[in-house]
Amino acid sequence: MLKKKNIYVISVSVIIVFLVILSSFLGLVIYFQWRQLDLAYKYYESLEKADTLSYAKNIEVSPLNFSLLGFKKIGLVEGLLKNNNKRAAVSIALRVNFLDSANTPVFSSIIYPLEPFQPPRVFEKTRFTYFAFLKGPAIEPNKSIRFKYPLWHCPKKILKMMRRGSFSNSAGEWCGKISAEVIKLKLKPT
C-alpha cells in the first residue's frame, strides 16, 4: 500500500522528469533554429562578398563634402552615389578616409549611406538586421542617390580643424581632403 508521502515523492519526481524532458526538447529546437539562421547568414554573407568583388567597381562615389552639424559637435558626410550595375543595390558600405597631404588616411570610418538611421552599437554585432535588407531604400540601375550620414565618433581634432577652417599640410594631420571606397555591396536578388 502506498503512503501519502510516497505519492508526493512519485508525483514530484514525475514533474521533474517531465520538465527536464521538456527543457531538453526546447533546447534542441532552439539549437536547430539557431543553426539554420547561422547557415542563412553565412549564405548571404558569401553572396555579399561575391557581389562586392564583382560589382563594387560599378558604384560611383562623387567627391564627398564634410560639414558640421548640431552646435558643431557632429560631423556630417554628404555625397552622391550612382549605381551603374544591372541590378538594384540595397546595401552599400563605404570607408571614408580623411587624408593628410601625402594622401595617407589619418582617420577612417565605415558608413552605410542607404540606411535611414544608424543602429546603436549594441546591434552592430547582431545578425538580425542582416536579413532585413530588402525593405530599405535601394539605388535602381543607372540611377543616383544623394546621402547625408552623421559621423558620431569623429575625432575632436578633425572637428576642431573644420570649425576653424584651418587645415594642416604636415604629415599625419588632416589636410581637408576626403576619399571614399566601396567595401561592401549587396545587390537585390533576381
C-alpha atoms as a PDB file:
ATOM      1  CA  MET A   1       0.000   0.000   0.000  1.00  0.00           C
ATOM      2  CA  LEU A   2       1.273   3.465  -0.929  1.00  0.00           C
ATOM      3  CA  LYS A   3       1.600   6.026   1.723  1.00  0.00           C
ATOM      4  CA  LYS A   4       0.783   9.690   1.236  1.00  0.00           C
ATOM      5  CA  LYS A   5       4.477  10.570   1.456  1.00  0.00           C
ATOM      6  CA  ASN A   6       5.360   8.123  -1.336  1.00  0.00           C
ATOM      7  CA  ILE A   7       2.668   9.572  -3.606  1.00  0.00           C
ATOM      8  CA  TYR A   8       4.132  13.063  -3.131  1.00  0.00           C
ATOM      9  CA  VAL A   9       7.638  11.818  -3.909  1.00  0.00           C
ATOM     10  CA  ILE A  10       6.443   9.990  -7.033  1.00  0.00           C
ATOM     11  CA  SER A  11       4.418  12.970  -8.311  1.00  0.00           C
ATOM     12  CA  VAL A  12       7.269  15.438  -7.696  1.00  0.00           C
ATOM     13  CA  SER A  13       9.708  13.067  -9.446  1.00  0.00           C
ATOM     14  CA  VAL A  14       7.364  12.725 -12.443  1.00  0.00           C
ATOM     15  CA  ILE A  15       7.019  16.524 -12.682  1.00  0.00           C
ATOM     16  CA  ILE A  16      10.804  16.998 -12.503  1.00  0.00           C
ATOM     17  CA  VAL A  17      11.411  14.337 -15.178  1.00  0.00           C
ATOM     18  CA  PHE A  18       8.729  15.943 -17.386  1.00  0.00           C
ATOM     19  CA  LEU A  19      10.343  19.399 -17.002  1.00  0.00           C
ATOM     20  CA  VAL A  20      13.806  18.000 -17.804  1.00  0.00           C
ATOM     21  CA  ILE A  21      12.496  16.285 -20.951  1.00  0.00           C
ATOM     22  CA  LEU A  22      10.571  19.414 -21.993  1.00  0.00           C
ATOM     23  CA  SER A  23      13.572  21.719 -21.478  1.00  0.00           C
ATOM     24  CA  SER A  24      15.824  19.314 -23.394  1.00  0.00           C
ATOM     25  CA  PHE A  25      13.364  19.245 -26.293  1.00  0.00           C
ATOM     26  CA  LEU A  26      13.054  23.053 -26.334  1.00  0.00           C
ATOM     27  CA  GLY A  27      16.843  23.369 -26.201  1.00  0.00           C
ATOM     28  CA  LEU A  28      17.149  21.057 -29.202  1.00  0.00           C
ATOM     29  CA  VAL A  29      14.553  23.061 -31.169  1.00  0.00           C
ATOM     30  CA  ILE A  30      16.324  26.339 -30.331  1.00  0.00           C
ATOM     31  CA  TYR A  31      19.672  24.859 -31.366  1.00  0.00           C
ATOM     32  CA  PHE A  32      18.311  23.747 -34.758  1.00  0.00           C
ATOM     33  CA  GLN A  33      16.716  27.160 -35.351  1.00  0.00           C
ATOM     34  CA  TRP A  34      19.947  28.941 -34.442  1.00  0.00           C
ATOM     35  CA  ARG A  35      21.882  26.641 -36.717  1.00  0.00           C
ATOM     36  CA  GLN A  36      19.507  27.328 -39.618  1.00  0.00           C
ATOM     37  CA  LEU A  37      19.785  31.081 -39.011  1.00  0.00           C
ATOM     38  CA  ASP A  38      23.576  30.812 -38.936  1.00  0.00           C
ATOM     39  CA  LEU A  39      23.630  28.899 -42.241  1.00  0.00           C
ATOM     40  CA  ALA A  40      21.385  31.534 -43.841  1.00  0.00           C
ATOM     41  CA  TYR A  41      23.669  34.276 -42.515  1.00  0.00           C
ATOM     42  CA  LYS A  42      26.742  32.593 -43.971  1.00  0.00           C
ATOM     43  CA  TYR A  43      24.961  32.149 -47.315  1.00  0.00           C
ATOM     44  CA  TYR A  44      24.000  35.836 -47.511  1.00  0.00           C
ATOM     45  CA  GLU A  45      27.478  36.840 -46.353  1.00  0.00           C
ATOM     46  CA  SER A  46      29.078  34.832 -49.185  1.00  0.00           C
ATOM     47  CA  LEU A  47      26.652  36.422 -51.673  1.00  0.00           C
ATOM     48  CA  GLU A  48      27.647  39.852 -50.365  1.00  0.00           C
ATOM     49  CA  LYS A  49      31.340  39.049 -50.797  1.00  0.00           C
ATOM     50  CA  ALA A  50      30.742  37.849 -54.359  1.00  0.00           C
ATOM     51  CA  ASP A  51      28.695  40.972 -55.172  1.00  0.00           C
ATOM     52  CA  THR A  52      31.396  43.184 -53.703  1.00  0.00           C
ATOM     53  CA  LEU A  53      34.173  41.533 -55.696  1.00  0.00           C
ATOM     54  CA  SER A  54      32.210  41.552 -58.941  1.00  0.00           C
ATOM     55  CA  TYR A  55      30.148  44.732 -58.889  1.00  0.00           C
ATOM     56  CA  ALA A  56      31.704  47.275 -56.494  1.00  0.00           C
ATOM     57  CA  LYS A  57      33.621  48.867 -59.362  1.00  0.00           C
ATOM     58  CA  ASN A  58      30.272  49.845 -60.925  1.00  0.00           C
ATOM     59  CA  ILE A  59      29.298  52.074 -57.994  1.00  0.00           C
ATOM     60  CA  GLU A  60      30.455  55.656 -58.459  1.00  0.00           C
ATOM     61  CA  VAL A  61      31.032  57.826 -55.406  1.00  0.00           C
ATOM     62  CA  SER A  62      31.109  61.548 -56.091  1.00  0.00           C
ATOM     63  CA  PRO A  63      33.560  63.729 -54.179  1.00  0.00           C
ATOM     64  CA  LEU A  64      32.369  63.922 -50.588  1.00  0.00           C
ATOM     65  CA  ASN A  65      31.685  67.033 -48.554  1.00  0.00           C
ATOM     66  CA  PHE A  66      32.260  67.213 -44.814  1.00  0.00           C
ATOM     67  CA  SER A  67      30.397  69.714 -42.649  1.00  0.00           C
ATOM     68  CA  LEU A  68      29.498  70.211 -39.022  1.00  0.00           C
ATOM     69  CA  LEU A  69      26.084  69.639 -37.508  1.00  0.00           C
ATOM     70  CA  GLY A  70      24.462  70.270 -34.136  1.00  0.00           C
ATOM     71  CA  PHE A  71      26.464  73.006 -32.409  1.00  0.00           C
ATOM     72  CA  LYS A  72      29.432  71.864 -34.493  1.00  0.00           C
ATOM     73  CA  LYS A  73      29.983  68.714 -32.407  1.00  0.00           C
ATOM     74  CA  ILE A  74      28.936  66.137 -35.003  1.00  0.00           C
ATOM     75  CA  GLY A  75      30.461  65.654 -38.443  1.00  0.00           C
ATOM     76  CA  LEU A  76      28.215  65.138 -41.476  1.00  0.00           C
ATOM     77  CA  VAL A  77      29.380  63.409 -44.658  1.00  0.00           C
ATOM     78  CA  GLU A  78      27.435  64.279 -47.810  1.00  0.00           C
ATOM     79  CA  GLY A  79      27.785  62.828 -51.266  1.00  0.00           C
ATOM     80  CA  LEU A  80      26.235  61.206 -54.290  1.00  0.00           C
ATOM     81  CA  LEU A  81      26.185  57.504 -55.181  1.00  0.00           C
ATOM     82  CA  LYS A  82      25.491  56.265 -58.695  1.00  0.00           C
ATOM     83  CA  ASN A  83      24.649  52.652 -59.498  1.00  0.00           C
ATOM     84  CA  ASN A  84      25.959  51.536 -62.914  1.00  0.00           C
ATOM     85  CA  ASN A  85      25.010  47.874 -62.335  1.00  0.00           C
ATOM     86  CA  LYS A  86      22.145  45.994 -63.974  1.00  0.00           C
ATOM     87  CA  ARG A  87      20.552  45.222 -60.592  1.00  0.00           C
ATOM     88  CA  ALA A  88      19.446  47.470 -57.741  1.00  0.00           C
ATOM     89  CA  ALA A  89      21.885  47.989 -54.871  1.00  0.00           C
ATOM     90  CA  VAL A  90      20.159  47.508 -51.496  1.00  0.00           C
ATOM     91  CA  SER A  91      23.122  47.975 -49.159  1.00  0.00           C
ATOM     92  CA  ILE A  92      26.423  49.757 -49.540  1.00  0.00           C
ATOM     93  CA  ALA A  93      29.212  50.223 -47.016  1.00  0.00           C
ATOM     94  CA  LEU A  94      31.745  52.964 -47.677  1.00  0.00           C
ATOM     95  CA  ARG A  95      35.076  53.531 -45.976  1.00  0.00           C
ATOM     96  CA  VAL A  96      35.520  57.271 -45.643  1.00  0.00           C
ATOM     97  CA  ASN A  97      39.174  58.300 -45.296  1.00  0.00           C
ATOM     98  CA  PHE A  98      40.328  61.673 -44.015  1.00  0.00           C
ATOM     99  CA  LEU A  99      43.647  62.248 -45.780  1.00  0.00           C
ATOM    100  CA  ASP A 100      46.830  64.115 -44.980  1.00  0.00           C
ATOM    101  CA  SER A 101      48.944  65.994 -47.536  1.00  0.00           C
ATOM    102  CA  ALA A 102      50.569  62.709 -48.708  1.00  0.00           C
ATOM    103  CA  ASN A 103      47.125  61.115 -49.313  1.00  0.00           C
ATOM    104  CA  THR A 104      47.592  58.784 -46.328  1.00  0.00           C
ATOM    105  CA  PRO A 105      44.493  58.144 -44.202  1.00  0.00           C
ATOM    106  CA  VAL A 106      44.568  59.925 -40.860  1.00  0.00           C
ATOM    107  CA  PHE A 107      41.118  58.741 -39.753  1.00  0.00           C
ATOM    108  CA  SER A 108      38.804  56.171 -41.330  1.00  0.00           C
ATOM    109  CA  SER A 109      35.161  55.472 -40.685  1.00  0.00           C
ATOM    110  CA  ILE A 110      32.742  52.995 -42.232  1.00  0.00           C
ATOM    111  CA  ILE A 111      29.352  54.409 -43.175  1.00  0.00           C
ATOM    112  CA  TYR A 112      26.179  52.873 -44.596  1.00  0.00           C
ATOM    113  CA  PRO A 113      24.619  55.638 -46.715  1.00  0.00           C
ATOM    114  CA  LEU A 114      21.462  53.689 -47.637  1.00  0.00           C
ATOM    115  CA  GLU A 115      20.403  53.086 -44.042  1.00  0.00           C
ATOM    116  CA  PRO A 116      17.825  55.627 -42.869  1.00  0.00           C
ATOM    117  CA  PHE A 117      19.357  55.725 -39.369  1.00  0.00           C
ATOM    118  CA  GLN A 118      22.457  54.385 -37.717  1.00  0.00           C
ATOM    119  CA  PRO A 119      21.707  51.481 -35.368  1.00  0.00           C
ATOM    120  CA  PRO A 120      23.125  51.588 -31.837  1.00  0.00           C
ATOM    121  CA  ARG A 121      26.472  49.876 -31.308  1.00  0.00           C
ATOM    122  CA  VAL A 122      24.744  47.057 -29.399  1.00  0.00           C
ATOM    123  CA  PHE A 123      23.075  45.896 -32.624  1.00  0.00           C
ATOM    124  CA  GLU A 124      26.170  46.125 -34.831  1.00  0.00           C
ATOM    125  CA  LYS A 125      27.294  42.622 -33.832  1.00  0.00           C
ATOM    126  CA  THR A 126      23.862  41.002 -34.123  1.00  0.00           C
ATOM    127  CA  ARG A 127      22.824  39.212 -37.249  1.00  0.00           C
ATOM    128  CA  PHE A 128      19.120  40.107 -37.176  1.00  0.00           C
ATOM    129  CA  THR A 129      19.482  43.358 -39.113  1.00  0.00           C
ATOM    130  CA  TYR A 130      21.365  41.452 -41.814  1.00  0.00           C
ATOM    131  CA  PHE A 131      18.164  39.740 -43.025  1.00  0.00           C
ATOM    132  CA  ALA A 132      16.023  42.869 -43.253  1.00  0.00           C
ATOM    133  CA  PHE A 133      17.867  44.258 -46.285  1.00  0.00           C
ATOM    134  CA  LEU A 134      15.069  44.120 -48.863  1.00  0.00           C
ATOM    135  CA  LYS A 135      12.833  46.691 -47.147  1.00  0.00           C
ATOM    136  CA  GLY A 136      15.167  49.694 -47.134  1.00  0.00           C
ATOM    137  CA  PRO A 137      15.886  52.194 -49.889  1.00  0.00           C
ATOM    138  CA  ALA A 138      17.680  50.916 -52.942  1.00  0.00           C
ATOM    139  CA  ILE A 139      19.555  52.522 -55.792  1.00  0.00           C
ATOM    140  CA  GLU A 140      17.965  51.369 -59.011  1.00  0.00           C
ATOM    141  CA  PRO A 141      20.178  50.619 -62.041  1.00  0.00           C
ATOM    142  CA  ASN A 142      21.615  53.728 -63.724  1.00  0.00           C
ATOM    143  CA  LYS A 143      20.183  55.990 -61.004  1.00  0.00           C
ATOM    144  CA  SER A 144      21.890  58.056 -58.360  1.00  0.00           C
ATOM    145  CA  ILE A 145      21.015  58.960 -54.797  1.00  0.00           C
ATOM    146  CA  ARG A 146      22.202  61.791 -52.587  1.00  0.00           C
ATOM    147  CA  PHE A 147      23.042  60.891 -48.999  1.00  0.00           C
ATOM    148  CA  LYS A 148      23.890  62.568 -45.710  1.00  0.00           C
ATOM    149  CA  TYR A 149      25.412  60.492 -42.950  1.00  0.00           C
ATOM    150  CA  PRO A 150      26.467  61.643 -39.454  1.00  0.00           C
ATOM    151  CA  LEU A 151      29.867  60.645 -38.102  1.00  0.00           C
ATOM    152  CA  TRP A 152      29.146  60.240 -34.414  1.00  0.00           C
ATOM    153  CA  HIS A 153      32.665  59.201 -33.428  1.00  0.00           C
ATOM    154  CA  CYS A 154      34.705  61.678 -35.413  1.00  0.00           C
ATOM    155  CA  PRO A 155      37.865  62.760 -33.553  1.00  0.00           C
ATOM    156  CA  LYS A 156      37.687  66.128 -31.825  1.00  0.00           C
ATOM    157  CA  LYS A 157      40.867  67.211 -33.565  1.00  0.00           C
ATOM    158  CA  ILE A 158      39.208  66.919 -37.007  1.00  0.00           C
ATOM    159  CA  LEU A 159      36.063  68.691 -35.802  1.00  0.00           C
ATOM    160  CA  LYS A 160      38.194  71.475 -34.344  1.00  0.00           C
ATOM    161  CA  MET A 161      40.098  71.899 -37.633  1.00  0.00           C
ATOM    162  CA  MET A 162      36.806  72.009 -39.553  1.00  0.00           C
ATOM    163  CA  ARG A 163      35.280  74.511 -37.138  1.00  0.00           C
ATOM    164  CA  ARG A 164      38.260  76.855 -37.518  1.00  0.00           C
ATOM    165  CA  GLY A 165      38.623  76.234 -41.246  1.00  0.00           C
ATOM    166  CA  SER A 166      42.373  75.762 -40.855  1.00  0.00           C
ATOM    167  CA  PHE A 167      43.932  72.565 -42.114  1.00  0.00           C
ATOM    168  CA  SER A 168      47.460  71.252 -41.780  1.00  0.00           C
ATOM    169  CA  ASN A 169      49.993  70.472 -44.502  1.00  0.00           C
ATOM    170  CA  SER A 170      52.155  68.315 -42.257  1.00  0.00           C
ATOM    171  CA  ALA A 171      52.176  64.531 -42.458  1.00  0.00           C
ATOM    172  CA  GLY A 172      49.822  62.725 -40.093  1.00  0.00           C
ATOM    173  CA  GLU A 173      47.346  65.617 -39.842  1.00  0.00           C
ATOM    174  CA  TRP A 174      44.181  66.160 -41.859  1.00  0.00           C
ATOM    175  CA  CYS A 175      44.643  68.481 -44.820  1.00  0.00           C
ATOM    176  CA  GLY A 176      40.925  68.875 -45.651  1.00  0.00           C
ATOM    177  CA  LYS A 177      40.682  66.089 -48.263  1.00  0.00           C
ATOM    178  CA  ILE A 178      38.270  63.158 -48.020  1.00  0.00           C
ATOM    179  CA  SER A 179      38.103  59.998 -50.121  1.00  0.00           C
ATOM    180  CA  ALA A 180      35.721  57.045 -50.117  1.00  0.00           C
ATOM    181  CA  GLU A 181      35.787  53.482 -51.350  1.00  0.00           C
ATOM    182  CA  VAL A 182      33.090  50.805 -51.525  1.00  0.00           C
ATOM    183  CA  ILE A 183      33.983  47.952 -49.169  1.00  0.00           C
ATOM    184  CA  LYS A 184      30.667  46.058 -49.096  1.00  0.00           C
ATOM    185  CA  LEU A 185      27.887  45.835 -51.636  1.00  0.00           C
ATOM    186  CA  LYS A 186      24.668  43.893 -51.587  1.00  0.00           C
ATOM    187  CA  LEU A 187      22.571  43.689 -54.744  1.00  0.00           C
ATOM    188  CA  LYS A 188      18.874  42.873 -54.894  1.00  0.00           C
ATOM    189  CA  PRO A 189      18.389  39.201 -55.800  1.00  0.00           C
ATOM    190  CA  THR A 190      16.882  38.466 -59.184  1.00  0.00           C
END
